[in-house]
Every structure is written in C-alpha cells, then in structure tokens.
C-alpha cells in the first residue's frame, strides 16, 4: 500500500485540491503535502481522508496500487 500515491490519485479523480482538503480536515496545506508523499498512514487517517473524499477506505487504499497512475 502506498498511502501517498492513494491520496494523490484520489485527489486527481475527485478534483479536490490540497487547500480544500486541508480546510475540510482542519489541517494546513503543508500537512496535506507531507501526506501526499508518505508511504503509510494510520487507519484513522485513512478513514478520515476517504470520508472527506466520499470514498470507501478500501477503495481509497487500492488507488495506491493502481499502476495506471504514477
């Protein structure tokens, strides 16, 4: 699982920008940037982010293994 890649792909698919996601989650844009390149994450963070992106957590994580996206 590549959490950062999953986040990048999910943002691409949903059209949610980092600034918008940061506001929804109550964190800084810099924190979103850090997460975008983090290889793994706690389950609670995965659940929180996938909820904000209107995705199921497992579907979100599977994006990190999708070879169609780099």
N, C-alpha and C. Protein backbone atom coordinates (compact mmCIF):
# COMPACT_ATOMS: atom_id res chain seq x y z
N UNK A 1 0.84 -1.17 0.00
CA UNK A 1 0.00 0.00 0.00
C UNK A 1 0.88 1.23 0.00
N UNK A 2 0.57 2.17 -0.87
CA UNK A 2 1.27 3.45 -0.90
C UNK A 2 0.23 4.53 -0.59
N UNK A 3 0.19 4.93 0.67
CA UNK A 3 -0.80 5.91 1.11
C UNK A 3 -0.71 7.22 0.33
N UNK A 4 0.51 7.73 0.17
CA UNK A 4 0.69 8.99 -0.54
C UNK A 4 0.17 8.94 -1.96
N UNK A 5 0.49 7.86 -2.65
CA UNK A 5 0.00 7.71 -4.02
C UNK A 5 -1.52 7.62 -4.03
N UNK A 6 -2.09 6.89 -3.08
CA UNK A 6 -3.55 6.78 -3.00
C UNK A 6 -4.17 8.16 -2.82
N UNK A 7 -3.57 8.98 -1.98
CA UNK A 7 -4.09 10.33 -1.76
C UNK A 7 -3.98 11.18 -3.03
N UNK A 8 -2.84 11.12 -3.69
CA UNK A 8 -2.65 11.89 -4.92
C UNK A 8 -3.65 11.48 -5.99
N UNK A 9 -3.83 10.18 -6.17
CA UNK A 9 -4.76 9.68 -7.19
C UNK A 9 -6.20 10.03 -6.82
N UNK A 10 -6.55 9.87 -5.56
CA UNK A 10 -7.91 10.19 -5.11
C UNK A 10 -8.22 11.67 -5.35
N UNK A 11 -7.25 12.53 -5.07
CA UNK A 11 -7.45 13.95 -5.32
C UNK A 11 -7.62 14.22 -6.81
N UNK A 12 -6.85 13.55 -7.63
CA UNK A 12 -6.96 13.70 -9.07
C UNK A 12 -8.35 13.26 -9.56
N UNK A 13 -8.80 12.12 -9.09
CA UNK A 13 -10.08 11.57 -9.52
C UNK A 13 -11.25 12.44 -9.04
N UNK A 14 -11.18 12.89 -7.80
CA UNK A 14 -12.30 13.64 -7.23
C UNK A 14 -12.24 15.13 -7.52
N UNK A 15 -11.07 15.61 -7.94
CA UNK A 15 -10.92 17.03 -8.23
C UNK A 15 -10.80 17.90 -6.98
N UNK A 16 -10.50 17.28 -5.85
CA UNK A 16 -10.36 18.03 -4.60
C UNK A 16 -8.91 18.49 -4.46
N UNK A 17 -8.73 19.79 -4.39
CA UNK A 17 -7.39 20.37 -4.27
C UNK A 17 -6.90 20.24 -2.83
N UNK A 18 -5.59 20.32 -2.66
CA UNK A 18 -4.99 20.19 -1.33
C UNK A 18 -5.50 21.25 -0.36
N UNK A 19 -5.64 22.48 -0.82
CA UNK A 19 -6.12 23.55 0.05
C UNK A 19 -7.55 23.27 0.53
N UNK A 20 -8.37 22.77 -0.35
CA UNK A 20 -9.75 22.44 0.01
C UNK A 20 -9.79 21.28 1.01
N UNK A 21 -9.00 20.26 0.75
CA UNK A 21 -8.96 19.11 1.66
C UNK A 21 -8.41 19.52 3.02
N UNK A 22 -7.40 20.37 3.02
CA UNK A 22 -6.83 20.86 4.28
C UNK A 22 -7.89 21.58 5.10
N UNK A 23 -8.66 22.42 4.45
CA UNK A 23 -9.72 23.15 5.15
C UNK A 23 -10.76 22.20 5.72
N UNK A 24 -11.16 21.21 4.93
CA UNK A 24 -12.16 20.24 5.38
C UNK A 24 -11.67 19.44 6.59
N UNK A 25 -10.37 19.14 6.61
CA UNK A 25 -9.80 18.33 7.68
C UNK A 25 -9.28 19.16 8.86
N UNK A 26 -9.21 20.47 8.68
CA UNK A 26 -8.72 21.33 9.75
C UNK A 26 -7.21 21.25 9.95
N UNK A 27 -6.49 21.05 8.83
CA UNK A 27 -5.03 20.99 8.88
C UNK A 27 -4.47 21.98 7.86
N UNK A 28 -3.15 22.15 7.85
CA UNK A 28 -2.53 23.06 6.90
C UNK A 28 -2.33 22.38 5.54
N UNK A 29 -2.14 23.23 4.52
CA UNK A 29 -1.82 22.69 3.19
C UNK A 29 -0.50 21.95 3.22
N UNK A 30 0.41 22.42 4.06
CA UNK A 30 1.71 21.76 4.18
C UNK A 30 1.56 20.33 4.71
N UNK A 31 0.59 20.13 5.62
CA UNK A 31 0.35 18.78 6.14
C UNK A 31 -0.17 17.87 5.03
N UNK A 32 -1.06 18.39 4.20
CA UNK A 32 -1.56 17.60 3.07
C UNK A 32 -0.39 17.23 2.17
N UNK A 33 0.49 18.19 1.90
CA UNK A 33 1.67 17.92 1.06
C UNK A 33 2.52 16.79 1.66
N UNK A 34 2.74 16.83 2.95
CA UNK A 34 3.51 15.77 3.60
C UNK A 34 2.83 14.42 3.43
N UNK A 35 1.51 14.39 3.63
CA UNK A 35 0.77 13.14 3.49
C UNK A 35 0.83 12.60 2.06
N UNK A 36 0.87 13.50 1.07
CA UNK A 36 0.88 13.09 -0.34
C UNK A 36 2.12 12.27 -0.70
N UNK A 37 3.17 12.35 0.11
CA UNK A 37 4.41 11.62 -0.16
C UNK A 37 4.78 10.66 0.95
N UNK A 38 3.83 10.37 1.81
CA UNK A 38 4.04 9.45 2.93
C UNK A 38 3.67 8.03 2.47
N UNK A 39 4.54 7.05 2.70
CA UNK A 39 4.25 5.70 2.21
C UNK A 39 3.14 4.97 2.97
N UNK A 40 2.92 5.34 4.23
CA UNK A 40 1.89 4.65 5.01
C UNK A 40 1.22 5.63 5.97
N UNK A 41 0.12 5.18 6.57
CA UNK A 41 -0.61 6.04 7.49
C UNK A 41 -1.45 5.20 8.44
N UNK A 42 -1.85 5.82 9.53
CA UNK A 42 -2.73 5.14 10.48
C UNK A 42 -4.11 4.96 9.87
N UNK A 43 -4.78 3.92 10.28
CA UNK A 43 -6.12 3.64 9.77
C UNK A 43 -7.07 4.80 10.02
N UNK A 44 -6.94 5.45 11.16
CA UNK A 44 -7.84 6.56 11.48
C UNK A 44 -7.70 7.70 10.46
N UNK A 45 -6.48 7.95 9.98
CA UNK A 45 -6.26 8.98 8.97
C UNK A 45 -6.84 8.55 7.63
N UNK A 46 -6.65 7.29 7.29
CA UNK A 46 -7.21 6.76 6.04
C UNK A 46 -8.73 6.93 6.04
N UNK A 47 -9.36 6.58 7.14
CA UNK A 47 -10.82 6.68 7.25
C UNK A 47 -11.26 8.14 7.14
N UNK A 48 -10.56 9.03 7.82
CA UNK A 48 -10.91 10.45 7.82
C UNK A 48 -10.80 11.05 6.41
N UNK A 49 -9.69 10.77 5.74
CA UNK A 49 -9.49 11.33 4.40
C UNK A 49 -10.45 10.71 3.40
N UNK A 50 -10.61 9.42 3.44
CA UNK A 50 -11.52 8.78 2.47
C UNK A 50 -12.95 9.29 2.66
N UNK A 51 -13.35 9.55 3.89
CA UNK A 51 -14.68 10.10 4.14
C UNK A 51 -14.83 11.48 3.50
N UNK A 52 -13.81 12.32 3.66
CA UNK A 52 -13.87 13.67 3.07
C UNK A 52 -13.89 13.62 1.54
N UNK A 53 -13.32 12.57 0.97
CA UNK A 53 -13.29 12.42 -0.48
C UNK A 53 -14.45 11.57 -0.99
N UNK A 54 -15.38 11.23 -0.10
CA UNK A 54 -16.56 10.42 -0.44
C UNK A 54 -16.17 9.09 -1.07
N UNK A 55 -15.21 8.42 -0.44
CA UNK A 55 -14.75 7.12 -0.91
C UNK A 55 -14.76 6.14 0.25
N UNK A 56 -14.87 4.88 -0.07
CA UNK A 56 -14.72 3.83 0.92
C UNK A 56 -13.23 3.69 1.23
N UNK A 57 -12.86 3.46 2.48
CA UNK A 57 -11.43 3.36 2.82
C UNK A 57 -10.67 2.33 1.99
N UNK A 58 -11.25 1.18 1.75
CA UNK A 58 -10.55 0.15 0.97
C UNK A 58 -10.36 0.60 -0.48
N UNK A 59 -11.38 1.22 -1.05
CA UNK A 59 -11.26 1.74 -2.42
C UNK A 59 -10.18 2.80 -2.49
N UNK A 60 -10.13 3.65 -1.48
CA UNK A 60 -9.09 4.69 -1.40
C UNK A 60 -7.71 4.04 -1.40
N UNK A 61 -7.50 3.06 -0.53
CA UNK A 61 -6.18 2.43 -0.42
C UNK A 61 -5.78 1.69 -1.69
N UNK A 62 -6.75 1.10 -2.37
CA UNK A 62 -6.45 0.38 -3.60
C UNK A 62 -5.87 1.29 -4.67
N UNK A 63 -6.19 2.57 -4.61
CA UNK A 63 -5.63 3.52 -5.58
C UNK A 63 -4.11 3.59 -5.48
N UNK A 64 -3.57 3.30 -4.31
CA UNK A 64 -2.12 3.31 -4.12
C UNK A 64 -1.41 2.20 -4.85
N UNK A 65 -2.16 1.20 -5.28
CA UNK A 65 -1.58 0.06 -6.01
C UNK A 65 -1.96 0.07 -7.48
N UNK A 66 -2.68 1.10 -7.92
CA UNK A 66 -3.15 1.18 -9.30
C UNK A 66 -2.02 1.62 -10.22
N UNK A 67 -1.62 0.74 -11.11
CA UNK A 67 -0.49 1.01 -12.00
C UNK A 67 -0.84 1.97 -13.13
N UNK A 68 -2.10 2.32 -13.27
CA UNK A 68 -2.48 3.28 -14.30
C UNK A 68 -2.02 4.69 -13.94
N UNK A 69 -1.74 4.91 -12.67
CA UNK A 69 -1.31 6.22 -12.19
C UNK A 69 0.10 6.11 -11.63
N UNK A 70 0.89 7.13 -11.84
CA UNK A 70 2.28 7.12 -11.34
C UNK A 70 2.42 7.95 -10.12
